[in-house]
């Protein structure tokens, strides 16, 4: 009985299967300098370019970069945003005050000064309004006109409107002269007030929040000795109201007397 047996590949050259090797593609230049120590295995790459040797995410990133580079440039314009500066209260700067508010001034008589100028600077955002100054004598003492001071010395030169960027600006021409107001010998107060607008009826700032003040204590001298001692100073019973259209002698309803 005849049995058909498959021919052995070794014995049948015509039936031997040779493995076909794919044609070797050139290695991209981006990978030619990699070594075995780099830990990056080489892999075949098509000759389309270096980008095909990169990962999909890297290729997408490079494509997006080329789109940005090659896209025509466009300038986005918008209307400039401007901000109007808000007005601030005029602030009396503590440095440079003269006379020193901590000192006791001796005024008039045989030993006191006949007059003294006041050096002070103001910083503020004025929004076009000038800064005005006045001197109150014995601020807190209600006079017969129901104003919160014994007397007032107004009409000093105004400071032209400026901004905070301009820095502190010195007041000009603020001066106290003995004899302008008749005072009894003894302790008195002199208060410098700055604001953008005074109320003509009350003599107070139209808005107390739009003001600042500083106070000196002085002794009105008489004939003879005049030691720098403050005794029997007038009490502060009233102050300028927040709203000058509402005048009251009640200190609980009035504004602040801060200095």
C-alpha atoms as a PDB file:
ATOM      1  CA  UNK A   1       0.000   0.000   0.000  1.00  0.00           C
ATOM      2  CA  UNK A   2       1.326   3.278  -1.014  1.00  0.00           C
ATOM      3  CA  UNK A   3       1.214   6.163   1.507  1.00  0.00           C
ATOM      4  CA  UNK A   4       1.767   9.742   0.386  1.00  0.00           C
ATOM      5  CA  UNK A   5       4.091  11.606   2.652  1.00  0.00           C
ATOM      6  CA  UNK A   6       4.746  15.331   2.577  1.00  0.00           C
ATOM      7  CA  UNK A   7       8.056  16.160   1.274  1.00  0.00           C
ATOM      8  CA  UNK A   8      10.485  17.613   3.758  1.00  0.00           C
ATOM      9  CA  UNK A   9      11.363  21.251   3.079  1.00  0.00           C
ATOM     10  CA  UNK A  10      14.960  20.253   3.351  1.00  0.00           C
ATOM     11  CA  UNK A  11      14.470  17.693   0.641  1.00  0.00           C
ATOM     12  CA  UNK A  12      12.240  19.849  -1.573  1.00  0.00           C
ATOM     13  CA  UNK A  13      13.840  23.130  -2.483  1.00  0.00           C
ATOM     14  CA  UNK A  14      10.866  24.159  -4.537  1.00  0.00           C
ATOM     15  CA  UNK A  15       8.626  24.079  -1.475  1.00  0.00           C
ATOM     16  CA  UNK A  16      11.007  25.812   0.931  1.00  0.00           C
ATOM     17  CA  UNK A  17       9.492  29.050   2.283  1.00  0.00           C
ATOM     18  CA  UNK A  18      11.952  31.860   2.638  1.00  0.00           C
ATOM     19  CA  UNK A  19      10.924  34.635   5.123  1.00  0.00           C
ATOM     20  CA  UNK A  20      10.513  37.907   3.338  1.00  0.00           C
ATOM     21  CA  UNK A  21      12.195  40.787   5.021  1.00  0.00           C
ATOM     22  CA  UNK A  22      10.680  44.238   4.658  1.00  0.00           C
ATOM     23  CA  UNK A  23      12.870  46.775   2.912  1.00  0.00           C
ATOM     24  CA  UNK A  24      14.905  48.779   5.424  1.00  0.00           C
ATOM     25  CA  UNK A  25      13.925  52.400   5.673  1.00  0.00           C
ATOM     26  CA  UNK A  26      16.468  55.084   6.343  1.00  0.00           C
ATOM     27  CA  UNK A  27      16.686  56.185   9.968  1.00  0.00           C
ATOM     28  CA  UNK A  28      15.598  59.824  10.480  1.00  0.00           C
ATOM     29  CA  UNK A  29      18.380  62.189  11.392  1.00  0.00           C
ATOM     30  CA  UNK A  30      16.559  62.977  14.658  1.00  0.00           C
ATOM     31  CA  UNK A  31      17.306  59.398  15.823  1.00  0.00           C
ATOM     32  CA  UNK A  32      20.662  58.779  14.223  1.00  0.00           C
ATOM     33  CA  UNK A  33      22.626  60.060  17.209  1.00  0.00           C
ATOM     34  CA  UNK A  34      20.733  57.928  19.778  1.00  0.00           C
ATOM     35  CA  UNK A  35      22.772  55.190  21.420  1.00  0.00           C
ATOM     36  CA  UNK A  36      21.858  52.087  23.321  1.00  0.00           C
ATOM     37  CA  UNK A  37      22.551  53.907  26.573  1.00  0.00           C
ATOM     38  CA  UNK A  38      19.821  56.451  25.897  1.00  0.00           C
ATOM     39  CA  UNK A  39      17.141  53.867  26.496  1.00  0.00           C
ATOM     40  CA  UNK A  40      15.234  54.876  23.368  1.00  0.00           C
ATOM     41  CA  UNK A  41      14.910  51.989  20.923  1.00  0.00           C
ATOM     42  CA  UNK A  42      15.353  52.736  17.337  1.00  0.00           C
ATOM     43  CA  UNK A  43      12.473  51.998  15.122  1.00  0.00           C
ATOM     44  CA  UNK A  44      11.969  52.107  11.402  1.00  0.00           C
ATOM     45  CA  UNK A  45      10.783  55.377  10.035  1.00  0.00           C
ATOM     46  CA  UNK A  46       9.344  56.410   6.751  1.00  0.00           C
ATOM     47  CA  UNK A  47      11.238  58.900   4.667  1.00  0.00           C
ATOM     48  CA  UNK A  48       8.457  61.491   4.920  1.00  0.00           C
ATOM     49  CA  UNK A  49      10.394  63.558   7.468  1.00  0.00           C
ATOM     50  CA  UNK A  50      11.479  63.843  11.043  1.00  0.00           C
ATOM     51  CA  UNK A  51       7.976  64.484  12.392  1.00  0.00           C
ATOM     52  CA  UNK A  52       6.861  60.945  11.719  1.00  0.00           C
ATOM     53  CA  UNK A  53       9.457  59.703  14.153  1.00  0.00           C
ATOM     54  CA  UNK A  54       7.789  61.595  16.960  1.00  0.00           C
ATOM     55  CA  UNK A  55       4.784  60.623  19.022  1.00  0.00           C
ATOM     56  CA  UNK A  56       1.246  61.614  17.946  1.00  0.00           C
ATOM     57  CA  UNK A  57       0.956  64.308  20.635  1.00  0.00           C
ATOM     58  CA  UNK A  58       4.286  65.859  19.671  1.00  0.00           C
ATOM     59  CA  UNK A  59       3.296  65.871  15.991  1.00  0.00           C
ATOM     60  CA  UNK A  60       0.011  67.584  16.765  1.00  0.00           C
ATOM     61  CA  UNK A  61       1.836  70.204  18.836  1.00  0.00           C
ATOM     62  CA  UNK A  62       4.288  70.925  16.035  1.00  0.00           C
ATOM     63  CA  UNK A  63       1.501  71.168  13.494  1.00  0.00           C
ATOM     64  CA  UNK A  64      -0.327  73.668  15.706  1.00  0.00           C
ATOM     65  CA  UNK A  65       2.880  75.666  16.067  1.00  0.00           C
ATOM     66  CA  UNK A  66       3.322  75.838  12.304  1.00  0.00           C
ATOM     67  CA  UNK A  67      -0.281  77.007  11.905  1.00  0.00           C
ATOM     68  CA  UNK A  68       0.358  79.822  14.369  1.00  0.00           C
ATOM     69  CA  UNK A  69       3.618  80.819  12.708  1.00  0.00           C
ATOM     70  CA  UNK A  70       2.225  80.735   9.186  1.00  0.00           C
ATOM     71  CA  UNK A  71      -1.121  82.362   9.990  1.00  0.00           C
ATOM     72  CA  UNK A  72      -1.424  86.000   8.936  1.00  0.00           C
ATOM     73  CA  UNK A  73      -0.811  88.329  11.893  1.00  0.00           C
ATOM     74  CA  UNK A  74      -3.761  90.302  13.199  1.00  0.00           C
ATOM     75  CA  UNK A  75      -3.794  93.149  15.718  1.00  0.00           C
ATOM     76  CA  UNK A  76      -6.692  93.182  18.159  1.00  0.00           C
ATOM     77  CA  UNK A  77      -7.553  96.722  19.141  1.00  0.00           C
ATOM     78  CA  UNK A  78      -9.893  97.875  21.892  1.00  0.00           C
ATOM     79  CA  UNK A  79     -11.007 101.164  23.270  1.00  0.00           C
ATOM     80  CA  UNK A  80      -8.626 102.299  26.047  1.00  0.00           C
ATOM     81  CA  UNK A  81     -10.132 102.091  29.508  1.00  0.00           C
ATOM     82  CA  UNK A  82      -9.792 105.339  31.435  1.00  0.00           C
ATOM     83  CA  UNK A  83     -10.537 105.941  35.093  1.00  0.00           C
ATOM     84  CA  UNK A  84     -11.515 109.285  36.515  1.00  0.00           C
ATOM     85  CA  UNK A  85      -9.571 109.972  39.730  1.00  0.00           C
ATOM     86  CA  UNK A  86     -11.758 110.146  42.810  1.00  0.00           C
ATOM     87  CA  UNK A  87     -11.443 113.232  44.980  1.00  0.00           C
ATOM     88  CA  UNK A  88      -9.844 112.653  48.388  1.00  0.00           C
ATOM     89  CA  UNK A  89      -9.889 114.819  51.507  1.00  0.00           C
ATOM     90  CA  UNK A  90      -6.931 117.194  51.737  1.00  0.00           C
ATOM     91  CA  UNK A  91      -4.544 115.703  54.280  1.00  0.00           C
ATOM     92  CA  UNK A  92      -2.231 117.829  56.396  1.00  0.00           C
ATOM     93  CA  UNK A  93       1.152 116.121  56.331  1.00  0.00           C
ATOM     94  CA  UNK A  94       2.618 115.651  59.804  1.00  0.00           C
ATOM     95  CA  UNK A  95       6.230 116.044  58.754  1.00  0.00           C
ATOM     96  CA  UNK A  96       7.429 119.601  58.328  1.00  0.00           C
ATOM     97  CA  UNK A  97       4.794 121.260  60.511  1.00  0.00           C
ATOM     98  CA  UNK A  98       6.024 124.490  62.042  1.00  0.00           C
ATOM     99  CA  UNK A  99       5.559 125.469  64.819  1.00  0.00           C
ATOM    100  CA  UNK A 100       5.720 122.017  66.384  1.00  0.00           C
ATOM    101  CA  UNK A 101       2.155 121.163  67.523  1.00  0.00           C
ATOM    102  CA  UNK A 102       3.601 119.514  70.630  1.00  0.00           C
ATOM    103  CA  UNK A 103       5.086 122.754  71.866  1.00  0.00           C
ATOM    104  CA  UNK A 104       3.405 125.514  73.908  1.00  0.00           C
ATOM    105  CA  UNK A 105       3.535 128.824  72.102  1.00  0.00           C
ATOM    106  CA  UNK A 106       3.861 132.111  73.941  1.00  0.00           C
ATOM    107  CA  UNK A 107       2.006 134.905  72.181  1.00  0.00           C
ATOM    108  CA  UNK A 108       1.773 138.664  72.861  1.00  0.00           C
ATOM    109  CA  UNK A 109       2.575 140.526  76.026  1.00  0.00           C
ATOM    110  CA  UNK A 110       6.135 141.308  77.027  1.00  0.00           C
ATOM    111  CA  UNK A 111       7.612 137.884  76.279  1.00  0.00           C
ATOM    112  CA  UNK A 112       5.427 136.341  73.562  1.00  0.00           C
ATOM    113  CA  UNK A 113       5.666 136.433  69.794  1.00  0.00           C
ATOM    114  CA  UNK A 114       3.811 139.251  67.998  1.00  0.00           C
ATOM    115  CA  UNK A 115       3.034 136.883  65.128  1.00  0.00           C
ATOM    116  CA  UNK A 116       4.081 133.550  63.693  1.00  0.00           C
ATOM    117  CA  UNK A 117       3.697 131.984  60.253  1.00  0.00           C
ATOM    118  CA  UNK A 118       2.405 128.432  59.978  1.00  0.00           C
ATOM    119  CA  UNK A 119       4.259 126.050  57.680  1.00  0.00           C
ATOM    120  CA  UNK A 120       2.201 123.043  56.592  1.00  0.00           C
ATOM    121  CA  UNK A 121       1.846 120.876  53.509  1.00  0.00           C
ATOM    122  CA  UNK A 122      -1.224 119.236  51.979  1.00  0.00           C
ATOM    123  CA  UNK A 123      -1.558 116.061  49.921  1.00  0.00           C
ATOM    124  CA  UNK A 124      -4.794 115.362  48.063  1.00  0.00           C
ATOM    125  CA  UNK A 125      -6.551 114.315  44.884  1.00  0.00           C
ATOM    126  CA  UNK A 126      -8.533 117.453  44.132  1.00  0.00           C
ATOM    127  CA  UNK A 127     -10.498 116.552  40.983  1.00  0.00           C
ATOM    128  CA  UNK A 128     -10.220 120.129  39.760  1.00  0.00           C
ATOM    129  CA  UNK A 129     -11.107 121.902  43.042  1.00  0.00           C
ATOM    130  CA  UNK A 130      -8.691 124.141  44.903  1.00  0.00           C
ATOM    131  CA  UNK A 131      -7.789 123.554  48.562  1.00  0.00           C
ATOM    132  CA  UNK A 132      -8.854 126.239  51.053  1.00  0.00           C
ATOM    133  CA  UNK A 133      -7.518 126.919  54.555  1.00  0.00           C
ATOM    134  CA  UNK A 134      -8.771 128.707  57.665  1.00  0.00           C
ATOM    135  CA  UNK A 135      -7.644 129.201  61.269  1.00  0.00           C
ATOM    136  CA  UNK A 136     -10.097 128.601  64.116  1.00  0.00           C
ATOM    137  CA  UNK A 137      -9.393 130.252  67.458  1.00  0.00           C
ATOM    138  CA  UNK A 138     -10.599 128.123  70.358  1.00  0.00           C
ATOM    139  CA  UNK A 139     -12.292 125.479  68.203  1.00  0.00           C
ATOM    140  CA  UNK A 140     -14.959 123.805  70.311  1.00  0.00           C
ATOM    141  CA  UNK A 141     -16.126 127.031  71.968  1.00  0.00           C
ATOM    142  CA  UNK A 142     -19.524 128.146  70.680  1.00  0.00           C
ATOM    143  CA  UNK A 143     -19.653 131.825  69.757  1.00  0.00           C
ATOM    144  CA  UNK A 144     -22.801 134.045  69.745  1.00  0.00           C
ATOM    145  CA  UNK A 145     -23.427 133.096  66.095  1.00  0.00           C
ATOM    146  CA  UNK A 146     -23.641 129.435  67.145  1.00  0.00           C
ATOM    147  CA  UNK A 147     -20.450 128.662  65.290  1.00  0.00           C
ATOM    148  CA  UNK A 148     -18.144 126.062  66.882  1.00  0.00           C
ATOM    149  CA  UNK A 149     -15.198 128.434  67.526  1.00  0.00           C
ATOM    150  CA  UNK A 150     -14.477 131.728  69.229  1.00  0.00           C
ATOM    151  CA  UNK A 151     -13.337 133.331  65.988  1.00  0.00           C
ATOM    152  CA  UNK A 152     -12.159 132.440  62.497  1.00  0.00           C
ATOM    153  CA  UNK A 153      -9.370 133.750  60.286  1.00  0.00           C
ATOM    154  CA  UNK A 154     -10.307 132.837  56.686  1.00  0.00           C
ATOM    155  CA  UNK A 155      -9.284 134.065  53.226  1.00  0.00           C
ATOM    156  CA  UNK A 156      -5.778 132.628  53.057  1.00  0.00           C
ATOM    157  CA  UNK A 157      -4.368 131.932  49.575  1.00  0.00           C
ATOM    158  CA  UNK A 158      -5.860 128.806  48.035  1.00  0.00           C
ATOM    159  CA  UNK A 159      -3.821 125.885  46.755  1.00  0.00           C
ATOM    160  CA  UNK A 160      -4.459 125.168  43.061  1.00  0.00           C
ATOM    161  CA  UNK A 161      -5.973 121.787  42.282  1.00  0.00           C
ATOM    162  CA  UNK A 162      -3.467 118.950  42.016  1.00  0.00           C
ATOM    163  CA  UNK A 163      -3.216 115.166  42.331  1.00  0.00           C
ATOM    164  CA  UNK A 164      -1.732 112.741  44.831  1.00  0.00           C
ATOM    165  CA  UNK A 165       1.008 112.066  42.297  1.00  0.00           C
ATOM    166  CA  UNK A 166       2.162 115.661  42.765  1.00  0.00           C
ATOM    167  CA  UNK A 167       3.029 114.929  46.390  1.00  0.00           C
ATOM    168  CA  UNK A 168       2.624 117.286  49.372  1.00  0.00           C
ATOM    169  CA  UNK A 169       2.275 120.986  48.524  1.00  0.00           C
ATOM    170  CA  UNK A 170       3.043 123.763  51.004  1.00  0.00           C
ATOM    171  CA  UNK A 171       0.374 126.183  52.108  1.00  0.00           C
ATOM    172  CA  UNK A 172       1.243 129.818  51.463  1.00  0.00           C
ATOM    173  CA  UNK A 173       0.563 132.893  53.569  1.00  0.00           C
ATOM    174  CA  UNK A 174      -1.001 131.243  56.639  1.00  0.00           C
ATOM    175  CA  UNK A 175      -0.155 133.579  59.500  1.00  0.00           C
ATOM    176  CA  UNK A 176      -1.391 134.337  63.003  1.00  0.00           C
ATOM    177  CA  UNK A 177      -1.021 137.905  64.265  1.00  0.00           C
ATOM    178  CA  UNK A 178      -1.563 139.038  67.817  1.00  0.00           C
ATOM    179  CA  UNK A 179      -4.330 141.588  68.128  1.00  0.00           C
ATOM    180  CA  UNK A 180      -6.398 140.434  65.139  1.00  0.00           C
ATOM    181  CA  UNK A 181      -8.724 138.879  67.707  1.00  0.00           C
ATOM    182  CA  UNK A 182      -9.011 140.234  71.247  1.00  0.00           C
ATOM    183  CA  UNK A 183      -8.158 137.411  73.659  1.00  0.00           C
ATOM    184  CA  UNK A 184      -7.928 137.234  77.417  1.00  0.00           C
ATOM    185  CA  UNK A 185      -4.554 136.190  78.817  1.00  0.00           C
ATOM    186  CA  UNK A 186      -4.290 132.461  79.350  1.00  0.00           C
ATOM    187  CA  UNK A 187      -4.631 129.204  77.409  1.00  0.00           C
ATOM    188  CA  UNK A 188      -6.072 129.130  73.884  1.00  0.00           C
ATOM    189  CA  UNK A 189      -6.222 126.838  70.882  1.00  0.00           C
ATOM    190  CA  UNK A 190      -5.361 127.584  67.261  1.00  0.00           C
ATOM    191  CA  UNK A 191      -6.678 125.071  64.721  1.00  0.00           C
ATOM    192  CA  UNK A 192      -5.708 124.938  61.057  1.00  0.00           C
ATOM    193  CA  UNK A 193      -8.451 123.445  58.866  1.00  0.00           C
ATOM    194  CA  UNK A 194      -8.120 122.560  55.174  1.00  0.00           C
ATOM    195  CA  UNK A 195     -10.954 121.516  52.883  1.00  0.00           C
ATOM    196  CA  UNK A 196     -12.210 121.945  49.332  1.00  0.00           C
ATOM    197  CA  UNK A 197     -15.119 124.175  50.337  1.00  0.00           C
ATOM    198  CA  UNK A 198     -16.243 126.053  53.444  1.00  0.00           C
ATOM    199  CA  UNK A 199     -19.836 126.782  54.326  1.00  0.00           C
ATOM    200  CA  UNK A 200     -20.215 130.552  54.522  1.00  0.00           C
ATOM    201  CA  UNK A 201     -22.850 130.517  57.267  1.00  0.00           C
ATOM    202  CA  UNK A 202     -21.261 128.124  59.728  1.00  0.00           C
ATOM    203  CA  UNK A 203     -17.622 128.633  58.741  1.00  0.00           C
ATOM    204  CA  UNK A 204     -17.255 124.859  58.747  1.00  0.00           C
ATOM    205  CA  UNK A 205     -16.295 122.578  55.863  1.00  0.00           C
ATOM    206  CA  UNK A 206     -19.274 121.786  53.654  1.00  0.00           C
ATOM    207  CA  UNK A 207     -18.419 118.145  54.213  1.00  0.00           C
ATOM    208  CA  UNK A 208     -16.478 117.453  57.395  1.00  0.00           C
ATOM    209  CA  UNK A 209     -15.246 114.195  55.862  1.00  0.00           C
ATOM    210  CA  UNK A 210     -13.589 116.312  53.173  1.00  0.00           C
ATOM    211  CA  UNK A 211     -11.254 118.046  55.614  1.00  0.00           C
ATOM    212  CA  UNK A 212      -8.387 117.631  58.028  1.00  0.00           C
ATOM    213  CA  UNK A 213      -7.092 119.758  60.877  1.00  0.00           C
ATOM    214  CA  UNK A 214      -4.231 120.261  63.274  1.00  0.00           C
ATOM    215  CA  UNK A 215      -4.268 122.172  66.576  1.00  0.00           C
ATOM    216  CA  UNK A 216      -1.669 124.187  68.456  1.00  0.00           C
ATOM    217  CA  UNK A 217      -1.991 125.306  72.064  1.00  0.00           C
ATOM    218  CA  UNK A 218      -0.688 128.718  72.975  1.00  0.00           C
ATOM    219  CA  UNK A 219      -0.641 131.012  75.952  1.00  0.00           C
ATOM    220  CA  UNK A 220      -1.762 134.586  75.487  1.00  0.00           C
ATOM    221  CA  UNK A 221       0.757 136.530  77.516  1.00  0.00           C
ATOM    222  CA  UNK A 222       0.238 139.775  79.374  1.00  0.00           C
ATOM    223  CA  UNK A 223       2.582 142.239  81.011  1.00  0.00           C
ATOM    224  CA  UNK A 224       5.329 140.575  83.007  1.00  0.00           C
ATOM    225  CA  UNK A 225       6.243 136.931  83.352  1.00  0.00           C
ATOM    226  CA  UNK A 226       4.649 134.341  81.025  1.00  0.00           C
ATOM    227  CA  UNK A 227       5.731 130.748  81.754  1.00  0.00           C
ATOM    228  CA  UNK A 228       4.912 128.051  79.144  1.00  0.00           C
ATOM    229  CA  UNK A 229       2.148 126.510  81.213  1.00  0.00           C
ATOM    230  CA  UNK A 230      -1.374 125.790  80.025  1.00  0.00           C
ATOM    231  CA  UNK A 231      -4.045 126.425  82.633  1.00  0.00           C
ATOM    232  CA  UNK A 232      -7.802 126.896  82.396  1.00  0.00           C
ATOM    233  CA  UNK A 233      -7.972 126.035  78.689  1.00  0.00           C
ATOM    234  CA  UNK A 234     -11.444 126.455  77.164  1.00  0.00           C
ATOM    235  CA  UNK A 235     -13.365 123.226  76.991  1.00  0.00           C
ATOM    236  CA  UNK A 236     -14.380 121.763  73.627  1.00  0.00           C
ATOM    237  CA  UNK A 237     -18.165 121.548  73.813  1.00  0.00           C
ATOM    238  CA  UNK A 238     -19.153 121.666  70.140  1.00  0.00           C
ATOM    239  CA  UNK A 239     -17.671 120.875  66.751  1.00  0.00           C
ATOM    240  CA  UNK A 240     -18.442 121.246  63.080  1.00  0.00           C
ATOM    241  CA  UNK A 241     -21.325 119.052  61.909  1.00  0.00           C
ATOM    242  CA  UNK A 242     -20.973 116.512  59.149  1.00  0.00           C
ATOM    243  CA  UNK A 243     -23.743 118.356  57.310  1.00  0.00           C
ATOM    244  CA  UNK A 244     -23.450 122.134  57.791  1.00  0.00           C
ATOM    245  CA  UNK A 245     -27.085 122.600  56.809  1.00  0.00           C
ATOM    246  CA  UNK A 246     -27.975 121.011  60.152  1.00  0.00           C
ATOM    247  CA  UNK A 247     -26.447 123.153  62.891  1.00  0.00           C
ATOM    248  CA  UNK A 248     -26.652 121.831  66.418  1.00  0.00           C
ATOM    249  CA  UNK A 249     -24.930 122.564  69.706  1.00  0.00           C
ATOM    250  CA  UNK A 250     -25.398 118.961  70.846  1.00  0.00           C
ATOM    251  CA  UNK A 251     -21.929 117.337  70.768  1.00  0.00           C
ATOM    252  CA  UNK A 252     -23.550 113.960  70.206  1.00  0.00           C
ATOM    253  CA  UNK A 253     -24.996 115.166  66.888  1.00  0.00           C
ATOM    254  CA  UNK A 254     -21.990 117.156  65.744  1.00  0.00           C
ATOM    255  CA  UNK A 255     -19.082 115.925  63.727  1.00  0.00           C
ATOM    256  CA  UNK A 256     -15.685 114.883  64.935  1.00  0.00           C
ATOM    257  CA  UNK A 257     -13.045 117.168  66.334  1.00  0.00           C
ATOM    258  CA  UNK A 258     -10.103 115.072  65.234  1.00  0.00           C
ATOM    259  CA  UNK A 259      -6.790 116.730  64.642  1.00  0.00           C
END
